[in-house]
Protein backbone atom coordinates (compact mmCIF):
# COMPACT_ATOMS: atom_id res chain seq x y z
CA UNK A 1 105.74 156.19 248.93
CA UNK A 2 102.51 156.74 248.14
CA UNK A 3 99.51 153.94 247.01
CA UNK A 4 99.62 155.14 243.68
CA UNK A 5 103.31 155.37 243.14
CA UNK A 6 103.45 151.70 244.70
CA UNK A 7 100.70 150.18 242.24
CA UNK A 8 102.09 147.90 239.29
CA UNK A 9 101.32 149.09 236.00
CA UNK A 10 98.69 146.71 234.29
CA UNK A 11 95.78 146.60 231.46
CA UNK A 12 93.05 148.40 232.69
CA UNK A 13 90.06 149.33 230.04
CA UNK A 14 90.18 153.00 229.09
CA UNK A 15 87.28 153.32 226.53
CA UNK A 16 84.70 151.00 225.31
CA UNK A 17 81.84 151.37 222.46
CA UNK A 18 79.45 148.55 222.17
CA UNK A 19 78.90 147.33 218.59
CA UNK A 20 75.07 147.24 217.81
CA UNK A 21 75.22 145.90 214.53
CA UNK A 22 76.41 146.12 210.59
CA UNK A 23 73.37 147.10 209.50
CA UNK A 24 74.64 147.41 205.86
CA UNK A 25 77.19 149.90 205.91
CA UNK A 26 80.36 149.77 203.82
CA UNK A 27 83.67 151.04 203.98
CA UNK A 28 85.98 150.87 201.17
CA UNK A 29 87.00 150.14 198.51
CA UNK A 30 90.76 150.84 199.57
CA UNK A 31 89.77 153.32 202.19
CA UNK A 32 91.30 154.48 205.34
CA UNK A 33 89.25 155.28 208.19
CA UNK A 34 90.07 157.67 211.09
CA UNK A 35 88.44 157.90 214.38
CA UNK A 36 88.92 159.46 217.97
CA UNK A 37 88.15 158.17 221.48
CA UNK A 38 88.67 159.43 224.83
CA UNK A 39 90.46 157.36 227.44
CA UNK A 40 89.40 157.42 230.78
CA UNK A 41 93.17 156.34 231.88
CA UNK A 42 96.17 157.93 230.78
CA UNK A 43 99.38 155.50 230.52
CA UNK A 44 102.73 154.71 228.65
CA UNK A 45 101.26 151.86 226.10
CA UNK A 46 98.11 151.18 224.53
CA UNK A 47 96.29 148.21 223.04
CA UNK A 48 93.09 148.18 220.71
CA UNK A 49 90.27 145.28 220.35
CA UNK A 50 88.90 145.25 216.86
CA UNK A 51 85.59 143.14 216.65
CA UNK A 52 83.27 141.47 214.13
CA UNK A 53 80.37 140.46 215.69
CA UNK A 54 77.97 140.58 212.86
CA UNK A 55 79.10 140.37 209.67
CA UNK A 56 78.94 137.00 207.68
CA UNK A 57 82.13 137.60 206.19
CA UNK A 58 85.91 137.90 207.47
CA UNK A 59 87.15 141.42 208.43
CA UNK A 60 90.61 141.99 206.80
CA UNK A 61 92.26 144.82 208.32
CA UNK A 62 95.34 145.74 206.17
CA UNK A 63 96.84 148.30 208.45
CA UNK A 64 96.28 150.23 211.59
CA UNK A 65 97.86 153.23 213.78
CA UNK A 66 97.33 154.89 216.61
CA UNK A 67 98.36 158.89 217.78
CA UNK A 68 97.37 161.63 219.67
CA UNK A 69 95.06 164.40 218.33
CA UNK A 70 96.46 167.15 216.33
CA UNK A 71 95.60 170.98 216.95
CA UNK A 72 92.85 170.31 214.17
CA UNK A 73 90.74 166.94 213.36
CA UNK A 74 91.63 164.36 211.88
CA UNK A 75 95.08 165.75 212.31
CA UNK A 76 97.45 163.46 214.25
CA UNK A 77 100.29 165.18 216.38
CA UNK A 78 103.41 163.92 215.27
CA UNK A 79 104.10 160.49 213.55
CA UNK A 80 100.87 157.74 214.22
CA UNK A 81 102.35 154.62 215.84
CA UNK A 82 101.94 151.65 213.47
CA UNK A 83 99.51 148.87 215.37
CA UNK A 84 100.81 145.26 215.25
CA UNK A 85 98.82 141.92 215.33
CA UNK A 86 101.10 138.95 216.64
CA UNK A 87 103.70 140.86 214.63
CA UNK A 88 101.82 141.60 211.44
CA UNK A 89 100.81 144.44 210.06
CA UNK A 90 97.34 143.35 209.44
CA UNK A 91 94.53 140.77 210.76
CA UNK A 92 92.25 138.79 209.63
CA UNK A 93 89.31 138.93 212.02
CA UNK A 94 86.91 135.96 211.29
CA UNK A 95 82.72 136.49 211.81
CA UNK A 96 82.11 136.55 215.44
CA UNK A 97 85.77 136.80 216.43
CA UNK A 98 87.62 139.76 218.42
CA UNK A 99 91.39 140.47 218.11
CA UNK A 100 93.57 142.69 220.37
CA UNK A 101 96.66 144.53 218.81
CA UNK A 102 99.75 144.16 219.95
CA UNK A 103 100.99 146.78 222.65
CA UNK A 104 102.03 150.08 221.32
CA UNK A 105 104.37 152.34 223.28
CA UNK A 106 101.95 155.78 223.22
CA UNK A 107 101.97 158.49 226.12
CA UNK A 108 98.50 159.10 226.82
CA UNK A 109 97.26 161.82 229.11
CA UNK A 110 94.43 160.86 231.54
CA UNK A 111 91.23 161.69 229.93
CA UNK A 112 93.12 162.39 226.53
CA UNK A 113 92.12 161.34 223.07
CA UNK A 114 93.50 158.94 220.82
CA UNK A 115 93.15 158.84 216.71
CA UNK A 116 92.82 155.45 215.35
CA UNK A 117 93.19 154.97 211.54
CA UNK A 118 92.36 151.53 209.83
CA UNK A 119 92.67 150.43 206.44
CA UNK A 120 90.75 148.13 204.32
CA UNK A 121 91.32 147.30 200.70
CA UNK A 122 88.11 145.43 200.19
CA UNK A 123 84.89 146.97 200.55
CA UNK A 124 84.16 145.89 203.82
CA UNK A 125 80.54 145.61 206.12
CA UNK A 126 81.27 147.52 209.27
CA UNK A 127 80.52 146.54 212.64
CA UNK A 128 80.02 149.65 214.41
CA UNK A 129 78.53 151.76 217.44
CA UNK A 130 76.18 154.07 215.33
CA UNK A 131 76.58 157.01 218.19
CA UNK A 132 79.71 158.01 219.24
CA UNK A 133 78.54 161.96 219.67
CA UNK A 134 81.86 162.56 217.46
CA UNK A 135 82.51 162.64 214.00
CA UNK A 136 84.54 159.75 212.31
CA UNK A 137 86.40 160.07 209.09
CA UNK A 138 87.20 158.39 205.96
CA UNK A 139 88.89 158.61 202.52
CA UNK A 140 87.18 158.94 199.64
CA UNK A 141 87.99 157.33 195.98
CA UNK A 142 90.30 154.71 196.78
CA UNK A 143 93.30 156.52 197.79
CA UNK A 144 95.13 153.57 199.66
CA UNK A 145 96.39 153.32 203.19
CA UNK A 146 97.16 156.40 204.81
CA UNK A 147 97.55 155.11 208.38
CA UNK A 148 101.12 156.47 208.53
CA UNK A 149 99.98 160.13 207.42
CA UNK A 150 99.46 162.46 210.07
CA UNK A 151 97.66 164.68 208.15
CA UNK A 152 93.82 164.89 207.77
CA UNK A 153 93.03 166.93 204.79
CA UNK A 154 92.39 163.81 202.44
CA UNK A 155 89.52 162.57 205.06
CA UNK A 156 86.01 163.53 205.05
CA UNK A 157 83.38 163.36 207.73
CA UNK A 158 82.09 159.62 207.48
CA UNK A 159 79.80 158.81 210.42
CA UNK A 160 78.98 159.84 214.04
CA UNK A 161 79.89 156.98 215.50
CA UNK A 162 83.13 154.12 215.43
CA UNK A 163 83.62 151.49 213.63
CA UNK A 164 85.22 147.88 214.71
CA UNK A 165 86.85 149.13 217.43
CA UNK A 166 85.16 148.33 220.90
CA UNK A 167 87.63 148.56 223.61
CA UNK A 168 91.03 150.42 224.39
CA UNK A 169 93.24 149.17 226.89
CA UNK A 170 95.62 151.85 228.82
CA UNK A 171 98.96 150.45 230.69
CA UNK A 172 98.32 152.42 233.87
CA UNK A 173 98.86 152.21 237.56
CA UNK A 174 95.21 153.69 237.88
CA UNK A 175 93.38 151.18 240.16
CA UNK A 176 90.98 149.85 237.63
CA UNK A 177 87.47 150.93 235.77
CA UNK A 178 83.62 150.62 236.00
CA UNK A 179 81.35 149.62 233.06
CA UNK A 180 78.07 150.86 232.67
CA UNK A 181 75.81 148.65 230.34
CA UNK A 182 72.49 150.69 229.58
CA UNK A 183 70.48 151.81 226.87
CA UNK A 184 70.32 155.36 225.12
CA UNK A 185 70.39 157.02 228.34
CA UNK A 186 73.68 155.53 228.91
CA UNK A 187 74.74 155.92 225.27
CA UNK A 188 74.11 159.99 225.73
CA UNK A 189 70.99 160.25 223.43
CA UNK A 190 69.99 164.14 224.16
CA UNK A 191 73.60 165.56 225.13
CA UNK A 192 75.16 168.26 223.20
CA UNK A 193 76.88 167.02 219.90
CA UNK A 194 80.59 166.57 220.46
CA UNK A 195 81.02 167.59 224.16
CA UNK A 196 81.71 164.27 226.04
CA UNK A 197 78.69 164.92 228.23
CA UNK A 198 77.09 161.72 229.01
CA UNK A 199 76.61 160.62 232.66
CA UNK A 200 79.36 158.48 232.51
CA UNK A 201 81.95 161.23 231.25
CA UNK A 202 80.99 163.36 233.89
CA UNK A 203 81.01 160.76 236.69
CA UNK A 204 84.93 159.98 235.58
CA UNK A 205 85.34 163.96 235.68
CA UNK A 206 84.72 163.67 239.73
CA UNK A 207 86.07 160.26 240.31
CA UNK A 208 89.26 161.03 238.17
CA UNK A 209 89.70 164.26 240.32
CA UNK A 210 90.04 162.61 243.95
CA UNK A 211 93.29 161.90 245.51
CA UNK A 212 95.46 159.41 243.67
CA UNK A 213 95.23 157.19 246.94
CA UNK A 214 91.29 157.07 247.07
CA UNK A 215 89.89 154.02 246.40
CA UNK A 216 87.01 155.59 244.75
CA UNK A 217 89.56 156.76 241.81
CA UNK A 218 88.13 154.64 239.25
CA UNK A 219 87.31 155.38 235.48
CA UNK A 220 83.91 155.10 234.38
CA UNK A 221 83.58 153.44 230.53
CA UNK A 222 80.63 153.15 228.38
CA UNK A 223 78.88 150.35 227.17
CA UNK A 224 75.51 151.83 226.51
CA UNK A 225 73.30 151.13 222.97
CA UNK A 226 70.51 153.31 221.86
CA UNK A 227 67.11 151.23 222.34
CA UNK A 228 68.92 148.26 224.34
CA UNK A 229 66.87 146.17 226.22
CA UNK A 230 67.82 143.91 229.08
CA UNK A 231 66.12 140.80 227.87
CA UNK A 232 64.03 141.91 225.02
CA UNK A 233 64.69 141.90 220.85
CA UNK A 234 67.74 142.80 219.21
CA UNK A 235 68.58 144.15 216.13
CA UNK A 236 71.33 145.69 214.10
CA UNK A 237 70.21 149.20 215.31
CA UNK A 238 69.59 148.44 218.71
CA UNK A 239 72.30 145.62 219.15
CA UNK A 240 71.93 142.34 221.09
CA UNK A 241 70.48 142.61 224.84
CA UNK A 242 72.27 142.94 227.82
CA UNK A 243 71.82 139.32 228.65
CA UNK A 244 73.70 138.43 225.29
CA UNK A 245 76.40 141.09 225.35
CA UNK A 246 77.05 141.06 229.14
CA UNK A 247 80.23 139.10 228.63
CA UNK A 248 81.73 140.81 225.68
CA UNK A 249 81.13 144.46 226.78
CA UNK A 250 81.40 144.19 230.23
CA UNK A 251 82.69 140.86 232.16
CA UNK A 252 85.53 140.14 229.24
CA UNK A 253 86.94 143.58 229.75
CA UNK A 254 90.67 144.54 231.23
CA UNK A 255 90.66 145.64 235.18
CA UNK A 256 86.94 146.13 235.75
CA UNK A 257 86.27 146.51 239.23
CA UNK A 258 82.25 146.63 238.79
CA UNK A 259 79.78 146.59 236.43
CA UNK A 260 76.53 149.09 236.70
CA UNK A 261 73.40 147.76 235.12
CA UNK A 262 71.29 151.05 233.74
CA UNK A 263 68.66 149.19 231.36
CA UNK A 264 65.13 148.54 231.53
CA UNK A 265 63.10 151.42 230.41
CA UNK A 266 62.79 149.87 226.96
CA UNK A 267 61.80 146.41 228.41
CA UNK A 268 58.71 148.03 229.84
CA UNK A 269 58.08 150.29 226.75
CA UNK A 270 58.00 147.28 224.73
CA UNK A 271 55.15 145.79 227.05
CA UNK A 272 57.56 143.77 229.39
CA UNK A 273 56.76 143.65 233.17
CA UNK A 274 58.53 144.43 236.32
CA UNK A 275 58.72 140.60 237.51
CA UNK A 276 60.28 139.91 234.41
CA UNK A 277 62.97 142.40 234.41
CA UNK A 278 63.77 141.35 238.27
CA UNK A 279 64.40 137.89 237.14
CA UNK A 280 66.78 138.77 234.59
CA UNK A 281 68.40 141.41 237.02
CA UNK A 282 68.84 138.95 239.43
CA UNK A 283 70.53 136.44 237.10
CA UNK A 284 72.77 139.17 235.63
CA UNK A 285 74.42 140.29 239.47
CA UNK A 286 75.11 136.43 240.16
CA UNK A 287 77.13 136.64 236.61
CA UNK A 288 78.64 139.70 237.65
CA UNK A 289 79.76 138.49 241.09
CA UNK A 290 81.05 135.09 239.87
CA UNK A 291 83.43 137.03 238.14
CA UNK A 292 84.75 138.86 241.14
CA UNK A 293 83.48 142.33 240.24
CA UNK A 294 81.03 144.17 242.03
CA UNK A 295 77.20 144.31 240.85
CA UNK A 296 75.80 147.87 240.61
CA UNK A 297 72.22 148.86 239.63
CA UNK A 298 70.85 152.16 238.71
CA UNK A 299 66.99 153.18 238.84
CA UNK A 300 64.85 153.72 235.82
CA UNK A 301 64.71 157.29 234.92
CA UNK A 302 61.24 159.17 234.41
CA UNK A 303 59.86 159.21 230.75
CA UNK A 304 56.47 160.52 231.08
CA UNK A 305 56.92 162.91 228.81
CA UNK A 306 58.48 160.96 225.98
CA UNK A 307 56.25 159.62 222.96
CA UNK A 308 54.50 156.58 223.34
CA UNK A 309 54.84 156.04 227.31
CA UNK A 310 51.42 155.32 228.90
CA UNK A 311 50.06 154.73 232.50
CA UNK A 312 50.54 150.97 232.27
CA UNK A 313 54.34 151.63 231.54
CA UNK A 314 54.73 154.19 234.33
CA UNK A 315 53.04 151.69 236.66
CA UNK A 316 55.82 148.90 235.84
CA UNK A 317 58.68 151.65 236.38
CA UNK A 318 57.54 152.49 239.93
CA UNK A 319 57.30 148.38 240.54
CA UNK A 320 60.83 147.81 239.37
CA UNK A 321 62.31 150.90 241.20
CA UNK A 322 60.71 149.91 244.31
CA UNK A 323 62.41 146.20 243.95
CA UNK A 324 65.65 148.33 243.14
CA UNK A 325 65.43 150.22 246.60
CA UNK A 326 64.58 147.09 248.57
CA UNK A 327 66.56 144.33 247.05
CA UNK A 328 69.80 143.01 248.54
CA UNK A 329 71.30 141.11 245.41
CA UNK A 330 73.35 144.25 243.90
CA UNK A 331 75.97 145.72 245.91
CA UNK A 332 74.80 149.19 245.38
CA UNK A 333 72.15 151.36 244.18
CA UNK A 334 72.46 154.48 242.08
CA UNK A 335 69.24 156.61 242.10
CA UNK A 336 69.32 159.30 239.31
CA UNK A 337 65.53 159.96 240.18
CA UNK A 338 66.08 162.70 242.80
CA UNK A 339 68.37 164.45 239.92
CA UNK A 340 66.08 164.40 237.04
CA UNK A 341 62.32 163.97 238.28
CA UNK A 342 59.98 167.02 237.77
CA UNK A 343 58.41 168.01 241.28
CA UNK A 344 55.32 169.52 239.37
CA UNK A 345 54.91 166.40 237.39
CA UNK A 346 56.13 163.45 239.02
CA UNK A 347 57.14 160.84 236.67
CA UNK A 348 58.86 163.02 233.93
CA UNK A 349 61.95 164.78 233.29
CA UNK A 350 62.62 168.21 234.58
CA UNK A 351 61.93 170.77 231.96
CA UNK A 352 65.24 172.44 232.48
CA UNK A 353 66.81 168.79 232.21
CA UNK A 354 64.73 167.27 229.16
CA UNK A 355 66.00 166.63 225.67
CA UNK A 356 62.78 165.13 224.19
CA UNK A 357 60.51 163.76 226.80
CA UNK A 358 62.51 160.38 227.25
CA UNK A 359 66.23 161.56 227.19
CA UNK A 360 68.14 163.98 229.44
CA UNK A 361 70.02 167.15 227.74
CA UNK A 362 73.66 167.94 228.67
CA UNK A 363 72.56 169.83 231.97
CA UNK A 364 70.46 166.55 232.88
CA UNK A 365 73.54 164.20 232.36
CA UNK A 366 75.72 166.45 234.53
CA UNK A 367 72.86 166.48 237.40
CA UNK A 368 73.09 162.63 237.23
CA UNK A 369 76.78 162.39 237.63
CA UNK A 370 76.75 165.04 240.31
CA UNK A 371 73.92 163.28 242.33
CA UNK A 372 76.07 159.64 242.36
CA UNK A 373 77.08 158.93 245.71
CA UNK A 374 80.67 157.98 245.06
CA UNK A 375 80.98 155.55 248.26
CA UNK A 376 78.53 153.42 246.08
CA UNK A 377 81.14 152.64 243.84
CA UNK A 378 83.40 150.60 246.22
């Protein structure tokens, strides 16, 4: 019997989105929100985490469901599965809290999409992730609870992000997941819309194509937030910094084997120093290790062609990256620079991989993923 067949079914993180803030957006009244997420793992059951980290008011979810996508979004194939919360059809999530749904039986394919519908009867402030690189939908005109409805005709495009849901667990025999905590480059800014071409998506393509018994066959889930810093300021757009959100967005997740820290560029952009970054990176690694997870760190990618990037920032980036290569605090280094750096203009992105001077395009994210030594992951 293979290692894959012998492995017990357990809860493993299949999808994440780091909530960055409420930002004044509201849903409702009497609206149903429908959103799609792609899970890295397949399995026979799912559960979702609904969070209300930023609003001053309780979040009242009146009903929720999950299903598989139909041939045309936002349709659902077959009948959605009603989600329960300690046996109830709805749940009250107090400010600052998060609640897991009960397990729901739903066969989910590996790297398959799920469709989640949430009904809120009262006008409700949204804690969300603003850039999901795909549409979510809402009903208009107070039409009521459509969480049990498969047809998507009543829904209209709403945002390009997600609302309230910040984690999906899948019951699977998969070996576990790795979570990448980062900024807009991890979040996929500059990628083609709707293509799932963030570097984490494309790295998952590589890892899940491995033989089932290969220990490197791990899913990569994404905890990036555009504009995020390691230890700098936070607000409703760029979210709390990595130091503040590490527990929520990485350490508390199910079945996590390793954490990749891929942030620091924005700290330098805002006037921070390599020395300050290094001190925080060291403390972060210690927190990861205390939880029994591997700590991995990624180099800060070139952004010499980006708006506002100046020579002092570049010098600090080079100092920070030099430390990353010589340190022994982290268990492994993911070096994105060889894949992205322009040999004609070192410190800038290669023109064919460049979206805007700061972020790679989809081709650049693929180059990042293909350049990762998979042995570093274990």
